[in-house]
C-alpha atoms as a PDB file:
ATOM      1  CA  MET A   1       4.410  25.905  24.840  1.00  0.00           C
ATOM      2  CA  ASN A   2       6.218  23.414  27.061  1.00  0.00           C
ATOM      3  CA  SER A   3       8.738  25.436  29.111  1.00  0.00           C
ATOM      4  CA  ASP A   4      10.639  22.261  30.056  1.00  0.00           C
ATOM      5  CA  VAL A   5      11.874  21.742  26.487  1.00  0.00           C
ATOM      6  CA  SER A   6      15.154  23.338  25.427  1.00  0.00           C
ATOM      7  CA  TRP A   7      13.830  24.893  22.241  1.00  0.00           C
ATOM      8  CA  LYS A   8      17.217  26.362  21.332  1.00  0.00           C
ATOM      9  CA  SER A   9      18.364  22.846  20.403  1.00  0.00           C
ATOM     10  CA  VAL A  10      15.369  22.245  18.115  1.00  0.00           C
ATOM     11  CA  ASP A  11      16.004  23.350  14.533  1.00  0.00           C
ATOM     12  CA  LEU A  12      13.282  22.821  11.929  1.00  0.00           C
ATOM     13  CA  ASN A  13      15.995  22.168   9.356  1.00  0.00           C
ATOM     14  CA  LEU A  14      16.957  19.068  11.323  1.00  0.00           C
ATOM     15  CA  LEU A  15      13.497  17.615  10.722  1.00  0.00           C
ATOM     16  CA  VAL A  16      13.876  18.359   7.018  1.00  0.00           C
ATOM     17  CA  ALA A  17      17.251  16.594   7.049  1.00  0.00           C
ATOM     18  CA  PHE A  18      15.699  13.609   8.845  1.00  0.00           C
ATOM     19  CA  SER A  19      12.972  13.433   6.193  1.00  0.00           C
ATOM     20  CA  TYR A  20      15.490  13.336   3.343  1.00  0.00           C
ATOM     21  CA  LEU A  21      17.658  10.772   5.118  1.00  0.00           C
ATOM     22  CA  TYR A  22      14.670   8.560   5.826  1.00  0.00           C
ATOM     23  CA  GLN A  23      13.448   8.810   2.251  1.00  0.00           C
ATOM     24  CA  HIS A  24      16.781   8.216   0.481  1.00  0.00           C
ATOM     25  CA  ARG A  25      18.765   6.083   3.002  1.00  0.00           C
ATOM     26  CA  SER A  26      21.922   7.896   1.918  1.00  0.00           C
ATOM     27  CA  VAL A  27      23.768  10.913   3.333  1.00  0.00           C
ATOM     28  CA  SER A  28      25.097  11.924  -0.095  1.00  0.00           C
ATOM     29  CA  VAL A  29      21.733  11.611  -1.864  1.00  0.00           C
ATOM     30  CA  ALA A  30      19.926  13.387   0.973  1.00  0.00           C
ATOM     31  CA  ALA A  31      22.469  16.205   0.734  1.00  0.00           C
ATOM     32  CA  GLU A  32      22.036  16.433  -3.026  1.00  0.00           C
ATOM     33  CA  GLN A  33      18.246  16.477  -2.824  1.00  0.00           C
ATOM     34  CA  SER A  34      18.227  19.181  -0.145  1.00  0.00           C
ATOM     35  CA  TYR A  35      20.909  21.287  -1.905  1.00  0.00           C
ATOM     36  CA  VAL A  36      23.477  21.186   0.907  1.00  0.00           C
ATOM     37  CA  SER A  37      26.970  19.725   1.090  1.00  0.00           C
ATOM     38  CA  GLN A  38      27.546  16.171   2.246  1.00  0.00           C
ATOM     39  CA  SER A  39      29.472  17.446   5.253  1.00  0.00           C
ATOM     40  CA  ALA A  40      26.535  19.688   6.186  1.00  0.00           C
ATOM     41  CA  MET A  41      24.171  16.711   6.017  1.00  0.00           C
ATOM     42  CA  SER A  42      26.553  14.630   8.121  1.00  0.00           C
ATOM     43  CA  HIS A  43      26.628  17.444  10.677  1.00  0.00           C
ATOM     44  CA  SER A  44      22.817  17.527  10.707  1.00  0.00           C
ATOM     45  CA  LEU A  45      22.740  13.772  11.309  1.00  0.00           C
ATOM     46  CA  ALA A  46      25.111  14.171  14.244  1.00  0.00           C
ATOM     47  CA  ARG A  47      22.847  16.865  15.716  1.00  0.00           C
ATOM     48  CA  LEU A  48      19.780  14.678  15.142  1.00  0.00           C
ATOM     49  CA  ARG A  49      21.430  11.822  17.019  1.00  0.00           C
ATOM     50  CA  THR A  50      22.130  14.145  19.936  1.00  0.00           C
ATOM     51  CA  LEU A  51      18.628  15.619  19.874  1.00  0.00           C
ATOM     52  CA  PHE A  52      16.867  12.242  19.871  1.00  0.00           C
ATOM     53  CA  ASP A  53      19.532  10.304  21.789  1.00  0.00           C
ATOM     54  CA  ASP A  54      19.483   7.565  19.148  1.00  0.00           C
ATOM     55  CA  ALA A  55      21.674   6.527  16.222  1.00  0.00           C
ATOM     56  CA  LEU A  56      18.619   6.949  13.910  1.00  0.00           C
ATOM     57  CA  PHE A  57      20.491   5.691  10.815  1.00  0.00           C
ATOM     58  CA  GLU A  58      23.091   2.925  10.770  1.00  0.00           C
ATOM     59  CA  ARG A  59      25.246   1.938   7.810  1.00  0.00           C
ATOM     60  CA  LYS A  60      24.433  -1.497   6.390  1.00  0.00           C
ATOM     61  CA  GLY A  61      26.189  -2.169   3.122  1.00  0.00           C
ATOM     62  CA  HIS A  62      25.697   0.844   0.874  1.00  0.00           C
ATOM     63  CA  GLN A  63      22.658   2.204   2.723  1.00  0.00           C
ATOM     64  CA  MET A  64      21.921   4.047   5.946  1.00  0.00           C
ATOM     65  CA  GLU A  65      19.156   1.904   7.439  1.00  0.00           C
ATOM     66  CA  PRO A  66      16.745   3.555   9.925  1.00  0.00           C
ATOM     67  CA  THR A  67      16.729   2.277  13.489  1.00  0.00           C
ATOM     68  CA  GLU A  68      13.515   1.120  15.129  1.00  0.00           C
ATOM     69  CA  TYR A  69      13.192   4.531  16.783  1.00  0.00           C
ATOM     70  CA  ALA A  70      13.638   6.299  13.432  1.00  0.00           C
ATOM     71  CA  HIS A  71      10.767   4.229  12.008  1.00  0.00           C
ATOM     72  CA  HIS A  72       8.733   5.160  15.085  1.00  0.00           C
ATOM     73  CA  ILE A  73       9.159   8.947  14.745  1.00  0.00           C
ATOM     74  CA  ALA A  74       9.109   9.130  10.913  1.00  0.00           C
ATOM     75  CA  PRO A  75       5.296   9.529  10.642  1.00  0.00           C
ATOM     76  CA  THR A  76       5.354  12.296  13.268  1.00  0.00           C
ATOM     77  CA  VAL A  77       8.150  14.171  11.497  1.00  0.00           C
ATOM     78  CA  ALA A  78       6.268  13.874   8.194  1.00  0.00           C
ATOM     79  CA  SER A  79       3.111  15.150   9.886  1.00  0.00           C
ATOM     80  CA  ILE A  80       4.896  18.176  11.324  1.00  0.00           C
ATOM     81  CA  LEU A  81       6.390  19.120   7.956  1.00  0.00           C
ATOM     82  CA  ASP A  82       3.044  18.607   6.196  1.00  0.00           C
ATOM     83  CA  ARG A  83       1.259  20.793   8.743  1.00  0.00           C
ATOM     84  CA  ILE A  84       3.768  23.583   8.232  1.00  0.00           C
ATOM     85  CA  THR A  85       3.487  23.269   4.464  1.00  0.00           C
ATOM     86  CA  HIS A  86      -0.296  23.184   4.265  1.00  0.00           C
ATOM     87  CA  ASP A  87      -1.433  25.103   7.346  1.00  0.00           C
ATOM     88  CA  LEU A  88       1.173  27.867   7.478  1.00  0.00           C
ATOM     89  CA  LEU A  89       2.752  28.305   4.054  1.00  0.00           C
ATOM     90  CA  ASP A  90       0.017  27.393   1.561  1.00  0.00           C
ATOM     91  CA  LYS A  91      -2.420  30.311   1.420  1.00  0.00           C
ATOM     92  CA  LYS A  92      -4.177  29.382  -1.827  1.00  0.00           C
ATOM     93  CA  ALA A  93      -7.522  27.590  -1.803  1.00  0.00           C
ATOM     94  CA  PHE A  94      -7.313  24.244  -3.570  1.00  0.00           C
ATOM     95  CA  ALA A  95      -8.966  24.124  -6.992  1.00  0.00           C
ATOM     96  CA  PRO A  96      -8.786  20.735  -8.777  1.00  0.00           C
ATOM     97  CA  GLU A  97      -9.191  22.317 -12.215  1.00  0.00           C
ATOM     98  CA  LEU A  98      -6.028  24.369 -11.607  1.00  0.00           C
ATOM     99  CA  TYR A  99      -3.979  21.670  -9.895  1.00  0.00           C
ATOM    100  CA  GLN A 100      -0.756  20.770 -11.720  1.00  0.00           C
ATOM    101  CA  GLY A 101       0.923  18.656  -9.062  1.00  0.00           C
ATOM    102  CA  THR A 102       1.146  14.899  -8.566  1.00  0.00           C
ATOM    103  CA  CYS A 103      -1.301  12.631  -6.756  1.00  0.00           C
ATOM    104  CA  ARG A 104       0.746   9.915  -5.068  1.00  0.00           C
ATOM    105  CA  ILE A 105      -1.286   6.783  -4.378  1.00  0.00           C
ATOM    106  CA  GLY A 106      -0.223   3.465  -2.890  1.00  0.00           C
ATOM    107  CA  LEU A 107      -2.077   0.351  -4.054  1.00  0.00           C
ATOM    108  CA  THR A 108      -1.805  -3.340  -3.328  1.00  0.00           C
ATOM    109  CA  ASP A 109      -1.210  -5.572  -6.343  1.00  0.00           C
ATOM    110  CA  TYR A 110      -4.934  -6.420  -6.516  1.00  0.00           C
ATOM    111  CA  ALA A 111      -6.109  -2.815  -6.153  1.00  0.00           C
ATOM    112  CA  GLU A 112      -3.649  -1.542  -8.749  1.00  0.00           C
ATOM    113  CA  PHE A 113      -4.647  -4.153 -11.325  1.00  0.00           C
ATOM    114  CA  ILE A 114      -8.391  -3.577 -10.884  1.00  0.00           C
ATOM    115  CA  PHE A 115      -8.683   0.127 -10.143  1.00  0.00           C
ATOM    116  CA  ALA A 116      -5.624   2.094 -11.316  1.00  0.00           C
ATOM    117  CA  PRO A 117      -7.108   3.034 -14.732  1.00  0.00           C
ATOM    118  CA  LYS A 118     -10.440   4.036 -13.165  1.00  0.00           C
ATOM    119  CA  ILE A 119      -8.738   6.159 -10.501  1.00  0.00           C
ATOM    120  CA  TYR A 120      -6.532   7.831 -13.097  1.00  0.00           C
ATOM    121  CA  ASP A 121      -9.558   8.763 -15.236  1.00  0.00           C
ATOM    122  CA  ALA A 122     -11.472  10.078 -12.211  1.00  0.00           C
ATOM    123  CA  ILE A 123      -8.588  12.320 -11.145  1.00  0.00           C
ATOM    124  CA  ARG A 124      -7.981  13.677 -14.620  1.00  0.00           C
ATOM    125  CA  ALA A 125     -11.697  14.308 -15.161  1.00  0.00           C
ATOM    126  CA  THR A 126     -11.696  17.127 -12.593  1.00  0.00           C
ATOM    127  CA  ALA A 127      -7.966  17.928 -12.552  1.00  0.00           C
ATOM    128  CA  PRO A 128      -6.924  17.707 -16.234  1.00  0.00           C
ATOM    129  CA  ASP A 129      -3.400  18.993 -15.556  1.00  0.00           C
ATOM    130  CA  ALA A 130      -2.707  16.657 -12.617  1.00  0.00           C
ATOM    131  CA  LYS A 131      -0.218  13.816 -12.763  1.00  0.00           C
ATOM    132  CA  VAL A 132      -0.631  10.478 -11.015  1.00  0.00           C
ATOM    133  CA  SER A 133       2.020   8.217  -9.500  1.00  0.00           C
ATOM    134  CA  PHE A 134       1.029   4.717  -8.371  1.00  0.00           C
ATOM    135  CA  PHE A 135       3.193   2.889  -5.814  1.00  0.00           C
ATOM    136  CA  ASN A 136       3.001  -0.814  -4.980  1.00  0.00           C
ATOM    137  CA  VAL A 137       2.375  -1.412  -1.269  1.00  0.00           C
ATOM    138  CA  ASN A 138       1.224  -4.182   1.040  1.00  0.00           C
ATOM    139  CA  GLN A 139       0.054  -4.560   4.630  1.00  0.00           C
ATOM    140  CA  SER A 140       3.590  -4.833   6.000  1.00  0.00           C
ATOM    141  CA  ASN A 141       5.269  -1.908   4.197  1.00  0.00           C
ATOM    142  CA  TYR A 142       2.598   0.711   3.478  1.00  0.00           C
ATOM    143  CA  GLN A 143       3.487   2.925   6.451  1.00  0.00           C
ATOM    144  CA  GLN A 144       7.156   3.040   5.491  1.00  0.00           C
ATOM    145  CA  ARG A 145       6.258   3.612   1.840  1.00  0.00           C
ATOM    146  CA  SER A 146       3.802   6.348   2.828  1.00  0.00           C
ATOM    147  CA  VAL A 147       6.528   8.297   4.565  1.00  0.00           C
ATOM    148  CA  GLN A 148       9.252   7.625   2.005  1.00  0.00           C
ATOM    149  CA  ALA A 149       7.141   8.413  -1.064  1.00  0.00           C
ATOM    150  CA  LYS A 150       4.931  11.006   0.655  1.00  0.00           C
ATOM    151  CA  LEU A 151       1.793   9.146  -0.363  1.00  0.00           C
ATOM    152  CA  ASP A 152      -1.531  10.944  -0.283  1.00  0.00           C
ATOM    153  CA  ALA A 153      -3.528   7.749   0.209  1.00  0.00           C
ATOM    154  CA  VAL A 154      -3.306   3.967   0.134  1.00  0.00           C
ATOM    155  CA  ILE A 155      -5.868   1.473  -1.220  1.00  0.00           C
ATOM    156  CA  GLY A 156      -6.118  -2.216  -0.458  1.00  0.00           C
ATOM    157  CA  SER A 157      -7.009  -4.858   2.097  1.00  0.00           C
ATOM    158  CA  ILE A 158      -5.146  -2.855   4.712  1.00  0.00           C
ATOM    159  CA  HIS A 159      -6.181  -2.222   8.291  1.00  0.00           C
ATOM    160  CA  ASP A 160      -4.679   0.441  10.535  1.00  0.00           C
ATOM    161  CA  SER A 161      -5.773   1.154  14.091  1.00  0.00           C
ATOM    162  CA  SER A 162      -3.021   3.641  14.930  1.00  0.00           C
ATOM    163  CA  ASP A 163      -3.581   7.348  15.446  1.00  0.00           C
ATOM    164  CA  ALA A 164      -1.241   8.163  12.553  1.00  0.00           C
ATOM    165  CA  TYR A 165      -3.682   6.964   9.875  1.00  0.00           C
ATOM    166  CA  GLN A 166      -7.385   7.147   9.087  1.00  0.00           C
ATOM    167  CA  HIS A 167      -9.272   4.578   7.056  1.00  0.00           C
ATOM    168  CA  GLN A 168     -12.620   4.120   5.338  1.00  0.00           C
ATOM    169  CA  THR A 169     -14.042   0.912   3.910  1.00  0.00           C
ATOM    170  CA  ILE A 170     -14.870   1.372   0.230  1.00  0.00           C
ATOM    171  CA  TYR A 171     -16.455  -2.039  -0.384  1.00  0.00           C
ATOM    172  CA  THR A 172     -16.345  -5.685   0.666  1.00  0.00           C
ATOM    173  CA  GLU A 173     -14.888  -8.250  -1.737  1.00  0.00           C
ATOM    174  CA  GLN A 174     -15.581 -11.979  -2.057  1.00  0.00           C
ATOM    175  CA  HIS A 175     -13.316 -14.877  -3.007  1.00  0.00           C
ATOM    176  CA  VAL A 176     -13.671 -17.480  -5.740  1.00  0.00           C
ATOM    177  CA  CYS A 177     -11.765 -20.643  -6.616  1.00  0.00           C
ATOM    178  CA  LEU A 178      -9.978 -20.321  -9.965  1.00  0.00           C
ATOM    179  CA  PHE A 179      -8.719 -23.246 -12.064  1.00  0.00           C
ATOM    180  CA  ASP A 180      -8.198 -24.623 -15.560  1.00  0.00           C
ATOM    181  CA  PRO A 181     -11.434 -26.496 -16.529  1.00  0.00           C
ATOM    182  CA  SER A 182      -9.498 -28.813 -18.820  1.00  0.00           C
ATOM    183  CA  LYS A 183      -7.584 -30.124 -15.804  1.00  0.00           C
ATOM    184  CA  LEU A 184     -10.044 -29.989 -12.885  1.00  0.00           C
ATOM    185  CA  SER A 185     -13.797 -30.411 -12.425  1.00  0.00           C
ATOM    186  CA  ALA A 186     -16.092 -27.534 -11.487  1.00  0.00           C
ATOM    187  CA  ASP A 187     -17.905 -29.702  -8.927  1.00  0.00           C
ATOM    188  CA  MET A 188     -14.767 -30.606  -6.990  1.00  0.00           C
ATOM    189  CA  SER A 189     -15.238 -31.823  -3.435  1.00  0.00           C
ATOM    190  CA  GLN A 190     -13.329 -30.490  -0.455  1.00  0.00           C
ATOM    191  CA  ALA A 191     -11.039 -33.511  -0.657  1.00  0.00           C
ATOM    192  CA  GLU A 192     -10.367 -32.911  -4.361  1.00  0.00           C
ATOM    193  CA  PHE A 193      -9.761 -29.234  -3.642  1.00  0.00           C
ATOM    194  CA  ALA A 194      -7.207 -30.125  -0.964  1.00  0.00           C
ATOM    195  CA  ALA A 195      -5.516 -32.723  -3.180  1.00  0.00           C
ATOM    196  CA  ALA A 196      -4.861 -30.277  -6.044  1.00  0.00           C
ATOM    197  CA  GLU A 197      -1.716 -28.194  -6.258  1.00  0.00           C
ATOM    198  CA  HIS A 198      -2.283 -24.744  -4.785  1.00  0.00           C
ATOM    199  CA  ALA A 199      -0.984 -21.364  -5.945  1.00  0.00           C
ATOM    200  CA  LEU A 200      -1.005 -18.494  -3.495  1.00  0.00           C
ATOM    201  CA  VAL A 201      -0.485 -14.758  -3.820  1.00  0.00           C
ATOM    202  CA  SER A 202       1.927 -13.943  -1.013  1.00  0.00           C
ATOM    203  CA  PRO A 203       4.132 -10.832  -1.150  1.00  0.00           C
ATOM    204  CA  ASN A 204       6.288 -12.168   1.690  1.00  0.00           C
ATOM    205  CA  GLY A 205       6.317 -15.818   0.569  1.00  0.00           C
ATOM    206  CA  ARG A 206       4.151 -17.026   3.464  1.00  0.00           C
ATOM    207  CA  GLN A 207       2.432 -20.317   2.574  1.00  0.00           C
ATOM    208  CA  GLN A 208      -0.044 -20.713   5.443  1.00  0.00           C
ATOM    209  CA  THR A 209      -3.487 -19.044   5.594  1.00  0.00           C
ATOM    210  CA  LYS A 210      -6.790 -19.577   7.396  1.00  0.00           C
ATOM    211  CA  ILE A 211      -7.679 -22.043   4.647  1.00  0.00           C
ATOM    212  CA  ASP A 212      -5.111 -24.441   6.086  1.00  0.00           C
ATOM    213  CA  ASP A 213      -6.662 -24.067   9.553  1.00  0.00           C
ATOM    214  CA  TYR A 214     -10.077 -25.022   8.194  1.00  0.00           C
ATOM    215  CA  LEU A 215      -8.738 -27.989   6.233  1.00  0.00           C
ATOM    216  CA  ALA A 216      -6.942 -29.252   9.335  1.00  0.00           C
ATOM    217  CA  GLN A 217     -10.279 -29.280  11.168  1.00  0.00           C
ATOM    218  CA  GLN A 218     -11.596 -31.545   8.387  1.00  0.00           C
ATOM    219  CA  ASP A 219      -8.525 -33.813   8.658  1.00  0.00           C
ATOM    220  CA  LEU A 220      -7.347 -32.532   5.285  1.00  0.00           C
ATOM    221  CA  THR A 221      -4.156 -30.839   4.198  1.00  0.00           C
ATOM    222  CA  ARG A 222      -3.190 -29.019   1.040  1.00  0.00           C
ATOM    223  CA  SER A 223       0.143 -28.421  -0.649  1.00  0.00           C
ATOM    224  CA  VAL A 224       0.950 -24.850  -1.648  1.00  0.00           C
ATOM    225  CA  THR A 225       3.443 -25.614  -4.394  1.00  0.00           C
ATOM    226  CA  VAL A 226       4.026 -22.025  -5.527  1.00  0.00           C
ATOM    227  CA  THR A 227       3.681 -18.496  -4.192  1.00  0.00           C
ATOM    228  CA  ALA A 228       4.022 -15.258  -6.114  1.00  0.00           C
ATOM    229  CA  GLY A 229       3.806 -11.571  -5.331  1.00  0.00           C
ATOM    230  CA  HIS A 230       1.492 -10.722  -8.239  1.00  0.00           C
ATOM    231  CA  PHE A 231      -1.904 -12.002  -9.314  1.00  0.00           C
ATOM    232  CA  LEU A 232      -0.994 -12.022 -13.017  1.00  0.00           C
ATOM    233  CA  THR A 233       1.704 -14.589 -12.299  1.00  0.00           C
ATOM    234  CA  ILE A 234      -0.800 -16.815 -10.513  1.00  0.00           C
ATOM    235  CA  GLY A 235      -3.230 -16.596 -13.448  1.00  0.00           C
ATOM    236  CA  ARG A 236      -0.579 -17.793 -15.871  1.00  0.00           C
ATOM    237  CA  LEU A 237       0.512 -20.623 -13.572  1.00  0.00           C
ATOM    238  CA  LEU A 238      -2.994 -22.099 -13.375  1.00  0.00           C
ATOM    239  CA  LYS A 239      -3.263 -22.695 -17.121  1.00  0.00           C
ATOM    240  CA  GLY A 240      -2.471 -26.265 -18.140  1.00  0.00           C
ATOM    241  CA  ARG A 241      -1.964 -27.497 -14.566  1.00  0.00           C
ATOM    242  CA  GLU A 242      -4.013 -29.365 -11.980  1.00  0.00           C
ATOM    243  CA  MET A 243      -3.776 -26.318  -9.781  1.00  0.00           C
ATOM    244  CA  VAL A 244      -6.225 -24.052  -7.932  1.00  0.00           C
ATOM    245  CA  ALA A 245      -6.004 -20.600  -6.422  1.00  0.00           C
ATOM    246  CA  ILE A 246      -8.349 -18.641  -4.181  1.00  0.00           C
ATOM    247  CA  VAL A 247      -8.537 -15.146  -5.664  1.00  0.00           C
ATOM    248  CA  PRO A 248     -10.748 -12.048  -5.336  1.00  0.00           C
ATOM    249  CA  LYS A 249     -13.949 -12.250  -7.371  1.00  0.00           C
ATOM    250  CA  LEU A 250     -13.299  -9.022  -9.293  1.00  0.00           C
ATOM    251  CA  MET A 251      -9.859 -10.270 -10.265  1.00  0.00           C
ATOM    252  CA  ALA A 252     -11.313 -13.499 -11.631  1.00  0.00           C
ATOM    253  CA  GLN A 253     -13.709 -11.479 -13.786  1.00  0.00           C
ATOM    254  CA  GLU A 254     -10.878  -9.716 -15.594  1.00  0.00           C
ATOM    255  CA  VAL A 255     -10.408 -11.457 -18.957  1.00  0.00           C
ATOM    256  CA  VAL A 256      -6.732 -10.517 -19.209  1.00  0.00           C
ATOM    257  CA  PHE A 257      -6.166 -12.374 -15.935  1.00  0.00           C
ATOM    258  CA  SER A 258      -8.463 -15.385 -16.211  1.00  0.00           C
ATOM    259  CA  ASP A 259      -8.841 -16.003 -19.967  1.00  0.00           C
ATOM    260  CA  GLY A 260      -9.462 -19.723 -20.416  1.00  0.00           C
ATOM    261  CA  LEU A 261      -9.917 -20.336 -16.686  1.00  0.00           C
ATOM    262  CA  SER A 262     -13.091 -21.059 -14.704  1.00  0.00           C
ATOM    263  CA  SER A 263     -14.189 -19.823 -11.303  1.00  0.00           C
ATOM    264  CA  ILE A 264     -16.572 -21.334  -8.785  1.00  0.00           C
ATOM    265  CA  ALA A 265     -17.587 -20.620  -5.224  1.00  0.00           C
ATOM    266  CA  PRO A 266     -14.854 -22.116  -3.029  1.00  0.00           C
ATOM    267  CA  PRO A 267     -15.705 -25.661  -1.880  1.00  0.00           C
ATOM    268  CA  ILE A 268     -14.673 -24.571   1.619  1.00  0.00           C
ATOM    269  CA  PRO A 269     -15.672 -21.480   3.635  1.00  0.00           C
ATOM    270  CA  VAL A 270     -13.488 -18.491   2.751  1.00  0.00           C
ATOM    271  CA  GLY A 271     -14.186 -15.156   4.407  1.00  0.00           C
ATOM    272  CA  ASP A 272     -14.827 -11.888   2.579  1.00  0.00           C
ATOM    273  CA  PHE A 273     -12.409  -8.992   2.961  1.00  0.00           C
ATOM    274  CA  ASP A 274     -12.693  -5.211   3.046  1.00  0.00           C
ATOM    275  CA  ILE A 275     -10.958  -2.894   0.609  1.00  0.00           C
ATOM    276  CA  ASN A 276     -10.027   0.231   2.551  1.00  0.00           C
ATOM    277  CA  LEU A 277      -8.852   3.716   1.746  1.00  0.00           C
ATOM    278  CA  VAL A 278      -6.104   4.696   4.194  1.00  0.00           C
ATOM    279  CA  TRP A 279      -4.563   8.154   4.538  1.00  0.00           C
ATOM    280  CA  PRO A 280      -2.301   9.995   7.021  1.00  0.00           C
ATOM    281  CA  THR A 281      -4.294  11.593   9.818  1.00  0.00           C
ATOM    282  CA  ILE A 282      -2.352  14.799   9.292  1.00  0.00           C
ATOM    283  CA  LYS A 283      -3.908  15.113   5.820  1.00  0.00           C
ATOM    284  CA  ASN A 284      -7.450  14.681   7.109  1.00  0.00           C
ATOM    285  CA  GLY A 285      -8.360  18.351   6.750  1.00  0.00           C
ATOM    286  CA  ASP A 286      -6.221  19.051   3.685  1.00  0.00           C
ATOM    287  CA  ALA A 287      -8.437  20.254   0.814  1.00  0.00           C
ATOM    288  CA  LYS A 288      -6.463  18.464  -1.889  1.00  0.00           C
ATOM    289  CA  ASN A 289      -6.515  15.207   0.056  1.00  0.00           C
ATOM    290  CA  GLN A 290     -10.252  15.502   0.699  1.00  0.00           C
ATOM    291  CA  TRP A 291     -10.899  15.972  -3.024  1.00  0.00           C
ATOM    292  CA  LEU A 292      -8.601  13.068  -3.873  1.00  0.00           C
ATOM    293  CA  ARG A 293     -10.311  10.765  -1.371  1.00  0.00           C
ATOM    294  CA  ARG A 294     -13.735  11.599  -2.796  1.00  0.00           C
ATOM    295  CA  SER A 295     -12.463  10.968  -6.324  1.00  0.00           C
ATOM    296  CA  ILE A 296     -10.937   7.608  -5.372  1.00  0.00           C
ATOM    297  CA  ILE A 297     -14.002   6.376  -3.486  1.00  0.00           C
ATOM    298  CA  GLU A 298     -16.346   7.338  -6.302  1.00  0.00           C
ATOM    299  CA  ALA A 299     -14.105   5.750  -8.953  1.00  0.00           C
ATOM    300  CA  VAL A 300     -13.700   2.477  -7.047  1.00  0.00           C
ATOM    301  CA  ARG A 301     -17.384   2.134  -6.175  1.00  0.00           C
ATOM    302  CA  LEU A 302     -18.461   2.890  -9.745  1.00  0.00           C
ATOM    303  CA  GLY A 303     -15.913   0.340 -10.932  1.00  0.00           C
ATOM    304  CA  VAL A 304     -17.305  -2.304  -8.569  1.00  0.00           C
ATOM    305  CA  GLU A 305     -20.868  -1.595  -9.735  1.00  0.00           C
ATOM    306  CA  SER A 306     -19.885  -1.892 -13.408  1.00  0.00           C
ATOM    307  CA  GLU A 307     -18.118  -5.203 -12.786  1.00  0.00           C
ATOM    308  CA  CYS A 308     -21.170  -6.589 -10.984  1.00  0.00           C
ATOM    309  CA  ASP A 309     -23.658  -5.593 -13.716  1.00  0.00           C
END
């Protein structure tokens, strides 16, 4: 134990209060969820600010928005509380067949559309009384969502090199060019590809990708005329329009998404991408999380194999 720390000022309940405040962004809701008065929660926030020498939460409109430092320490606070819960307080060995809790899984739009049903079936096959909650995430918000929603794992084209998270590549996905065959030709040239209208899946509305860099090297430019946060929207936009979209191969194979559309190998080089399973490092040795990770990996890989057959 570090003798230089004034442990009398450190109260575990303060970390619990921080967790509720970070999750709910509201003093009143945090107080309600933790079964204390609003004044007690306000007092805890004041003590937290003194302890960490930071405002931690600042009022913006109707919400208490976390400061940059609050975002920085949130994963550590969550890890500490999880360690206490699982390593000190939970004495029962995990048995999937007896589990009645909720598996909380974050998925990107693509991963949710392709794999959510398969993952649900895999979990329920060995844990018939378990419940499953799926949360939409992306590369930019999955850490915040992981802490807020207490996610067990995240699936998608997500890369994390920090110590707070572990990751494992489940498989590598390819891209195809999707279009309406009544409007565009399957043997389109690079110039014809660039000249078409382009639809792009972009959760943050960004319109530039590496495709534009390659086209620029060929003295070509394209016009991204529409972006959307969901693949299903893109699929509907392509129908009846002289429009193309670069989408994951497995997505293009789903009839509900691409009914009436055609897919070809992109007329320009488009790199493959990894689909990763990401989970908090603190849950690495947790028996429930280990079982869940095995179930997810098996379900996704079996799903990929069935789609490729």
